[in-house]
């Protein structure tokens, strides 16, 4: 059983809209399921066949593939999941505790290994067989960082085009789970070449607790969850001077701990500037980002309810796409993963997406 910070690091935040919602009733089941959704959304599930281990990464569009970590502490594999066909295949194994993954535009997969090596790996499909088993396909990307040599709990996102927050596009952004005020945001630039930390002498941001999710909002600022067990904060970080780190005065607590009584486990930000986050329950919450980010504040509200005992993952597959209610395709989809009662890891993921009413025929509407 995981009972240290590597366990706590999987608690991920989910945020909810401050609007009054009409909830649709959905029957519970033994698998992870949505119990209530706001009007204009629908849900489905993706079966993995093995216990979900908390890390997910989406291949760039137009791919319909994503990677998911499965297994248990000490023995984890990586599945490739095709959402069009519903098929899965194991593409890498031999990991102990995968804290996060990300996929670059060229298909390279980056993996944070938190078991004993605390190492970042780069996986490349050199022989184009769709897997990462051949010699030389999984290599260490960079040594543990200068600060404490620890990647525990690091989930990974990719800096999009335009050097958001002064971060070079294509860089890896990682959140560590060191607790207290020792948690950090680390940036690794040039991950497909000679990788290096950005900046070279310090973390990009520090002063955090355990990782509660990190995402870019549409304007390029960072939205960060700093998690405790039953507490936490959600911060906005705006690199106003566009240098190589977040300085004093460049962060603001937009959701304080008084509004996060069940913590924050993971978060995503939509194209509409809505934050969705999970907590130490089955509730998915949301709020609209309060602009200007360095002075605004927000109060989350419930967006959806699941039968999970704890939601460890809240990830939009394509956050640049709309996630608005009743939006027409192509839209973003929100993937939820976590644990059932007794803290049993679910072997499926919930997928929430806008209900495209334009695609509903007249006879369906009047059934």
Protein backbone atom coordinates (compact mmCIF):
# COMPACT_ATOMS: atom_id res chain seq x y z
CA UNK A 1 0.00 0.00 0.00
CA UNK A 2 1.26 3.46 -0.86
CA UNK A 3 1.17 5.56 2.30
CA UNK A 4 3.69 8.31 1.66
CA UNK A 5 3.80 11.44 -0.46
CA UNK A 6 3.78 9.36 -3.62
CA UNK A 7 0.30 8.25 -2.61
CA UNK A 8 -0.81 11.72 -1.61
CA UNK A 9 0.48 13.08 -4.89
CA UNK A 10 -2.20 11.21 -6.79
CA UNK A 11 -4.92 13.33 -5.17
CA UNK A 12 -5.85 15.60 -8.02
CA UNK A 13 -8.18 18.66 -8.16
CA UNK A 14 -11.40 19.22 -10.15
CA UNK A 15 -13.20 22.59 -10.46
CA UNK A 16 -16.94 23.41 -10.92
CA UNK A 17 -19.05 26.16 -12.54
CA UNK A 18 -20.72 28.77 -10.38
CA UNK A 19 -23.97 28.42 -12.28
CA UNK A 20 -27.20 26.68 -11.29
CA UNK A 21 -27.17 23.27 -12.98
CA UNK A 22 -29.92 20.88 -14.02
CA UNK A 23 -28.69 17.40 -13.14
CA UNK A 24 -29.62 14.28 -15.04
CA UNK A 25 -29.93 11.10 -13.00
CA UNK A 26 -27.69 8.22 -14.06
CA UNK A 27 -27.79 4.73 -12.55
CA UNK A 28 -24.74 3.71 -10.52
CA UNK A 29 -22.78 0.55 -11.25
CA UNK A 30 -19.76 -1.37 -10.00
CA UNK A 31 -17.47 0.51 -12.35
CA UNK A 32 -16.60 4.19 -12.19
CA UNK A 33 -19.64 6.11 -13.42
CA UNK A 34 -21.11 9.58 -13.63
CA UNK A 35 -24.15 9.89 -11.35
CA UNK A 36 -25.17 13.45 -12.23
CA UNK A 37 -24.28 15.77 -15.10
CA UNK A 38 -25.31 19.33 -15.95
CA UNK A 39 -27.69 19.88 -18.84
CA UNK A 40 -25.93 19.89 -22.20
CA UNK A 41 -23.42 17.15 -21.39
CA UNK A 42 -23.27 13.40 -21.75
CA UNK A 43 -20.93 10.70 -20.44
CA UNK A 44 -19.48 7.37 -21.46
CA UNK A 45 -16.73 5.09 -20.17
CA UNK A 46 -13.49 3.68 -21.52
CA UNK A 47 -12.57 0.21 -20.30
CA UNK A 48 -8.89 -0.42 -19.59
CA UNK A 49 -9.13 -4.02 -18.37
CA UNK A 50 -6.58 -3.35 -15.61
CA UNK A 51 -6.53 -1.06 -12.55
CA UNK A 52 -5.96 2.54 -13.60
CA UNK A 53 -2.82 3.92 -11.92
CA UNK A 54 -3.47 7.67 -12.20
CA UNK A 55 -1.42 8.90 -15.19
CA UNK A 56 -2.81 9.68 -18.65
CA UNK A 57 -1.41 11.36 -21.78
CA UNK A 58 -3.13 12.19 -25.06
CA UNK A 59 -1.52 11.91 -28.47
CA UNK A 60 -1.83 15.12 -30.53
CA UNK A 61 -4.85 15.57 -32.83
CA UNK A 62 -6.04 14.08 -35.10
CA UNK A 63 -4.99 10.92 -33.26
CA UNK A 64 -7.66 9.09 -31.27
CA UNK A 65 -5.07 7.39 -29.07
CA UNK A 66 -4.09 8.03 -25.48
CA UNK A 67 -1.74 6.36 -23.02
CA UNK A 68 -2.75 5.25 -19.53
CA UNK A 69 -0.71 3.88 -16.64
CA UNK A 70 -2.17 0.67 -15.21
CA UNK A 71 -1.23 -1.72 -12.42
CA UNK A 72 -0.24 -1.11 -8.83
CA UNK A 73 2.58 0.42 -6.83
CA UNK A 74 5.77 -1.45 -7.68
CA UNK A 75 4.48 -2.93 -10.94
CA UNK A 76 3.01 -0.64 -13.59
CA UNK A 77 2.57 -0.87 -17.35
CA UNK A 78 1.56 1.64 -20.01
CA UNK A 79 -1.43 0.96 -22.25
CA UNK A 80 -2.16 2.52 -25.61
CA UNK A 81 -5.92 3.03 -25.93
CA UNK A 82 -7.68 3.68 -29.25
CA UNK A 83 -10.92 5.52 -28.51
CA UNK A 84 -12.34 4.83 -31.98
CA UNK A 85 -12.04 1.06 -31.76
CA UNK A 86 -11.99 0.59 -27.99
CA UNK A 87 -8.88 -1.56 -28.29
CA UNK A 88 -5.97 -1.51 -25.86
CA UNK A 89 -2.44 -2.84 -26.03
CA UNK A 90 0.47 -2.80 -23.62
CA UNK A 91 3.28 -0.69 -25.09
CA UNK A 92 5.75 -0.49 -22.17
CA UNK A 93 6.21 -2.17 -18.81
CA UNK A 94 8.59 -2.50 -15.87
CA UNK A 95 7.71 0.76 -14.10
CA UNK A 96 7.20 1.09 -10.36
CA UNK A 97 5.15 4.26 -9.85
CA UNK A 98 4.29 6.43 -12.84
CA UNK A 99 3.57 9.97 -11.68
CA UNK A 100 2.76 11.59 -14.99
CA UNK A 101 3.11 11.31 -18.77
CA UNK A 102 2.97 13.61 -21.78
CA UNK A 103 3.20 13.20 -25.56
CA UNK A 104 4.98 15.63 -27.89
CA UNK A 105 3.84 16.39 -31.43
CA UNK A 106 6.44 13.96 -32.81
CA UNK A 107 4.98 11.08 -30.76
CA UNK A 108 7.68 10.92 -28.09
CA UNK A 109 6.24 9.85 -24.73
CA UNK A 110 7.67 11.29 -21.51
CA UNK A 111 7.24 9.38 -18.26
CA UNK A 112 7.90 10.41 -14.66
CA UNK A 113 9.04 7.32 -12.69
CA UNK A 114 8.67 7.83 -8.96
CA UNK A 115 9.41 4.37 -7.56
CA UNK A 116 13.12 4.18 -6.76
CA UNK A 117 14.88 6.08 -9.50
CA UNK A 118 12.85 9.33 -9.46
CA UNK A 119 13.71 9.67 -13.13
CA UNK A 120 12.18 11.18 -16.25
CA UNK A 121 12.17 8.85 -19.23
CA UNK A 122 11.76 9.51 -22.93
CA UNK A 123 10.11 6.71 -24.94
CA UNK A 124 10.52 6.68 -28.74
CA UNK A 125 9.06 4.20 -31.19
CA UNK A 126 12.23 3.86 -33.24
CA UNK A 127 11.17 0.73 -35.14
CA UNK A 128 7.61 2.00 -35.72
CA UNK A 129 5.96 -1.10 -34.25
CA UNK A 130 3.66 0.93 -32.00
CA UNK A 131 5.45 -0.14 -28.80
CA UNK A 132 8.48 0.84 -26.71
CA UNK A 133 10.12 -2.53 -26.09
CA UNK A 134 13.08 -2.48 -28.46
CA UNK A 135 16.61 -1.65 -27.33
CA UNK A 136 17.22 2.07 -26.94
CA UNK A 137 13.56 3.07 -27.13
CA UNK A 138 13.25 4.06 -23.44
CA UNK A 139 16.07 6.26 -22.17
CA UNK A 140 16.64 8.66 -19.30
CA UNK A 141 15.80 12.21 -20.34
CA UNK A 142 17.51 14.18 -17.58
CA UNK A 143 18.92 13.55 -14.12
CA UNK A 144 16.84 14.44 -11.03
CA UNK A 145 16.79 18.15 -10.38
CA UNK A 146 19.34 20.19 -8.49
CA UNK A 147 17.04 20.97 -5.59
CA UNK A 148 16.15 17.66 -3.96
CA UNK A 149 16.51 14.98 -6.62
CA UNK A 150 12.85 14.09 -6.51
CA UNK A 151 10.23 13.79 -9.23
CA UNK A 152 7.65 12.26 -6.89
CA UNK A 153 4.12 12.98 -8.02
CA UNK A 154 5.27 14.96 -11.05
CA UNK A 155 2.56 15.14 -13.65
CA UNK A 156 3.57 16.54 -16.99
CA UNK A 157 2.08 19.06 -19.41
CA UNK A 158 3.53 20.48 -22.62
CA UNK A 159 4.02 24.23 -23.12
CA UNK A 160 1.95 25.15 -26.20
CA UNK A 161 2.95 27.48 -29.03
CA UNK A 162 3.74 31.09 -28.28
CA UNK A 163 6.09 30.62 -25.32
CA UNK A 164 3.30 30.89 -22.71
CA UNK A 165 4.38 32.37 -19.36
CA UNK A 166 7.82 32.87 -20.89
CA UNK A 167 8.27 29.09 -21.12
CA UNK A 168 9.80 27.88 -24.41
CA UNK A 169 7.16 26.12 -26.51
CA UNK A 170 7.42 22.34 -26.40
CA UNK A 171 8.99 22.35 -22.93
CA UNK A 172 7.86 19.90 -20.27
CA UNK A 173 6.23 21.43 -17.19
CA UNK A 174 6.24 19.20 -14.11
CA UNK A 175 4.71 19.58 -10.70
CA UNK A 176 6.42 17.87 -7.77
CA UNK A 177 4.80 16.56 -4.60
CA UNK A 178 7.24 17.46 -1.87
CA UNK A 179 4.80 18.77 0.76
CA UNK A 180 4.95 21.72 3.12
CA UNK A 181 6.19 24.58 0.99
CA UNK A 182 8.75 22.45 -0.88
CA UNK A 183 6.62 21.58 -3.91
CA UNK A 184 7.83 23.03 -7.20
CA UNK A 185 7.06 23.60 -10.83
CA UNK A 186 9.98 22.44 -12.96
CA UNK A 187 10.46 23.26 -16.64
CA UNK A 188 12.62 21.13 -18.94
CA UNK A 189 13.33 22.77 -22.27
CA UNK A 190 14.42 21.11 -25.53
CA UNK A 191 13.24 17.61 -24.47
CA UNK A 192 13.93 16.12 -27.92
CA UNK A 193 17.49 17.47 -28.02
CA UNK A 194 19.88 18.40 -25.24
CA UNK A 195 17.40 18.72 -22.40
CA UNK A 196 18.05 21.26 -19.66
CA UNK A 197 16.21 22.88 -16.78
CA UNK A 198 14.70 26.33 -17.31
CA UNK A 199 16.04 28.23 -15.45
CA UNK A 200 19.24 26.29 -14.85
CA UNK A 201 19.68 27.29 -11.21
CA UNK A 202 16.20 27.14 -9.68
CA UNK A 203 12.68 25.81 -10.16
CA UNK A 204 10.35 27.83 -12.36
CA UNK A 205 8.07 28.26 -9.32
CA UNK A 206 8.23 27.06 -5.73
CA UNK A 207 6.44 27.36 -2.41
CA UNK A 208 3.80 24.70 -3.21
CA UNK A 209 2.64 21.70 -1.17
CA UNK A 210 1.63 18.46 -2.92
CA UNK A 211 0.65 18.43 -6.56
CA UNK A 212 -2.98 19.26 -7.26
CA UNK A 213 -2.77 19.73 -11.01
CA UNK A 214 -1.29 22.26 -13.41
CA UNK A 215 -2.63 23.65 -16.69
CA UNK A 216 -2.29 26.62 -19.01
CA UNK A 217 -5.30 28.91 -19.33
CA UNK A 218 -6.11 30.28 -22.81
CA UNK A 219 -3.98 33.40 -22.30
CA UNK A 220 -0.89 31.39 -21.33
CA UNK A 221 -0.91 31.88 -17.55
CA UNK A 222 -0.47 28.84 -15.32
CA UNK A 223 -3.27 27.56 -13.08
CA UNK A 224 -1.85 25.41 -10.29
CA UNK A 225 -3.38 23.27 -7.56
CA UNK A 226 -1.40 23.08 -4.33
CA UNK A 227 -2.87 20.20 -2.34
CA UNK A 228 -2.99 19.05 1.23
CA UNK A 229 -4.89 15.98 2.42
CA UNK A 230 -8.17 17.78 3.15
CA UNK A 231 -7.11 21.27 2.17
CA UNK A 232 -5.48 23.11 -0.67
CA UNK A 233 -5.32 26.20 -2.82
CA UNK A 234 -5.68 26.95 -6.51
CA UNK A 235 -3.30 29.63 -7.73
CA UNK A 236 -2.85 31.68 -10.87
CA UNK A 237 0.74 32.40 -11.93
CA UNK A 238 1.28 35.24 -14.39
CA UNK A 239 4.85 35.83 -15.60
CA UNK A 240 4.41 39.58 -16.06
CA UNK A 241 8.08 40.32 -16.77
CA UNK A 242 8.39 37.29 -19.08
CA UNK A 243 11.61 36.07 -17.47
CA UNK A 244 12.62 32.50 -16.59
CA UNK A 245 10.72 32.11 -13.31
CA UNK A 246 7.69 33.19 -11.30
CA UNK A 247 8.80 36.07 -9.08
CA UNK A 248 7.23 37.66 -6.03
CA UNK A 249 3.97 39.36 -6.95
CA UNK A 250 3.37 37.08 -9.94
CA UNK A 251 1.01 34.64 -8.21
CA UNK A 252 -2.42 34.90 -6.65
CA UNK A 253 -4.58 32.45 -4.72
CA UNK A 254 -7.80 32.47 -6.75
CA UNK A 255 -9.45 29.72 -4.66
CA UNK A 256 -8.35 29.70 -0.98
CA UNK A 257 -8.29 26.71 1.34
CA UNK A 258 -11.58 27.73 2.97
CA UNK A 259 -13.28 26.78 -0.33
CA UNK A 260 -11.35 23.51 -0.69
CA UNK A 261 -12.34 21.52 2.39
CA UNK A 262 -11.84 18.25 0.52
CA UNK A 263 -8.58 19.27 -1.12
CA UNK A 264 -7.70 19.37 -4.79
CA UNK A 265 -6.49 16.37 -6.78
CA UNK A 266 -6.13 17.37 -10.44
CA UNK A 267 -7.33 20.16 -12.72
CA UNK A 268 -7.83 21.19 -16.31
CA UNK A 269 -8.74 24.52 -17.92
CA UNK A 270 -11.09 24.72 -20.89
CA UNK A 271 -11.03 27.03 -23.90
CA UNK A 272 -13.82 28.96 -22.15
CA UNK A 273 -11.49 29.69 -19.19
CA UNK A 274 -13.38 27.35 -16.89
CA UNK A 275 -11.35 25.32 -14.39
CA UNK A 276 -12.51 21.75 -13.69
CA UNK A 277 -11.03 19.99 -10.68
CA UNK A 278 -11.32 16.91 -8.51
CA UNK A 279 -11.21 16.52 -4.75
CA UNK A 280 -11.11 13.84 -2.07
CA UNK A 281 -14.60 12.66 -3.06
CA UNK A 282 -16.52 11.76 -6.19
CA UNK A 283 -17.44 15.36 -6.92
CA UNK A 284 -16.22 17.22 -9.98
CA UNK A 285 -16.19 20.97 -9.41
CA UNK A 286 -15.64 24.02 -11.58
CA UNK A 287 -15.33 27.79 -11.62
CA UNK A 288 -14.82 30.55 -14.14
CA UNK A 289 -11.37 32.08 -13.99
CA UNK A 290 -11.56 35.54 -12.40
CA UNK A 291 -9.76 38.10 -14.54
CA UNK A 292 -7.44 39.88 -13.90
CA UNK A 293 -5.84 36.74 -12.51
CA UNK A 294 -3.45 38.47 -10.11
CA UNK A 295 -6.28 40.12 -8.19
CA UNK A 296 -9.38 38.00 -8.83
CA UNK A 297 -10.95 35.27 -6.70
CA UNK A 298 -13.54 32.56 -7.31
CA UNK A 299 -15.86 30.20 -5.45
CA UNK A 300 -16.18 26.70 -6.98
CA UNK A 301 -19.52 24.96 -7.47
CA UNK A 302 -20.41 21.38 -8.27
CA UNK A 303 -20.25 20.47 -11.94
CA UNK A 304 -20.84 16.71 -11.84
CA UNK A 305 -21.03 13.81 -9.42
CA UNK A 306 -19.52 10.34 -9.74
CA UNK A 307 -19.52 7.17 -7.66
CA UNK A 308 -15.78 7.52 -7.07
CA UNK A 309 -14.39 7.66 -3.54
CA UNK A 310 -11.55 9.79 -4.85
CA UNK A 311 -10.96 11.30 -8.30
CA UNK A 312 -7.25 11.19 -9.08
CA UNK A 313 -7.40 12.40 -12.68
CA UNK A 314 -9.25 15.29 -14.36
CA UNK A 315 -7.85 15.85 -17.85
CA UNK A 316 -9.19 17.52 -20.99
CA UNK A 317 -7.87 15.72 -24.06
CA UNK A 318 -7.71 18.82 -26.29
CA UNK A 319 -8.08 21.91 -24.06
CA UNK A 320 -7.89 24.26 -27.05
CA UNK A 321 -11.28 22.94 -28.25
CA UNK A 322 -14.60 24.12 -26.86
CA UNK A 323 -16.09 22.27 -23.91
CA UNK A 324 -19.27 24.38 -23.78
CA UNK A 325 -22.63 22.70 -23.18
CA UNK A 326 -24.36 21.48 -26.37
CA UNK A 327 -21.36 22.49 -28.49
CA UNK A 328 -20.98 20.93 -31.92
CA UNK A 329 -18.03 18.69 -32.75
CA UNK A 330 -15.11 18.77 -32.58
CA UNK A 331 -15.13 19.37 -28.84
CA UNK A 332 -12.84 18.62 -25.94
CA UNK A 333 -13.58 15.60 -23.77
CA UNK A 334 -12.97 15.47 -20.03
CA UNK A 335 -11.46 12.22 -18.73
CA UNK A 336 -11.92 11.23 -15.09
CA UNK A 337 -10.11 8.42 -13.30
CA UNK A 338 -9.94 7.35 -9.70
CA UNK A 339 -10.91 4.94 -6.96
CA UNK A 340 -14.08 3.19 -5.88
CA UNK A 341 -15.14 2.38 -2.31
CA UNK A 342 -12.46 0.79 -0.17
CA UNK A 343 -9.94 2.70 -2.26
CA UNK A 344 -10.05 0.07 -4.99
CA UNK A 345 -8.67 1.50 -8.25
CA UNK A 346 -11.24 1.50 -11.04
CA UNK A 347 -10.38 -0.25 -14.29
CA UNK A 348 -12.26 2.26 -16.43
CA UNK A 349 -12.35 6.00 -17.08
CA UNK A 350 -15.34 8.34 -17.27
CA UNK A 351 -15.52 10.55 -20.37
CA UNK A 352 -17.68 13.70 -20.22
CA UNK A 353 -18.36 15.67 -23.39
CA UNK A 354 -20.83 18.27 -24.68
CA UNK A 355 -24.15 16.85 -25.89
CA UNK A 356 -24.43 17.92 -29.51
CA UNK A 357 -28.17 18.51 -29.79
CA UNK A 358 -27.81 19.44 -33.46
CA UNK A 359 -26.92 15.81 -34.12
CA UNK A 360 -30.11 14.50 -32.45
CA UNK A 361 -32.84 13.66 -34.95
CA UNK A 362 -36.46 14.73 -34.47
CA UNK A 363 -37.66 11.24 -33.54
CA UNK A 364 -34.93 10.93 -30.90
CA UNK A 365 -35.89 14.26 -29.36
CA UNK A 366 -39.51 13.17 -28.89
CA UNK A 367 -38.97 9.62 -27.65
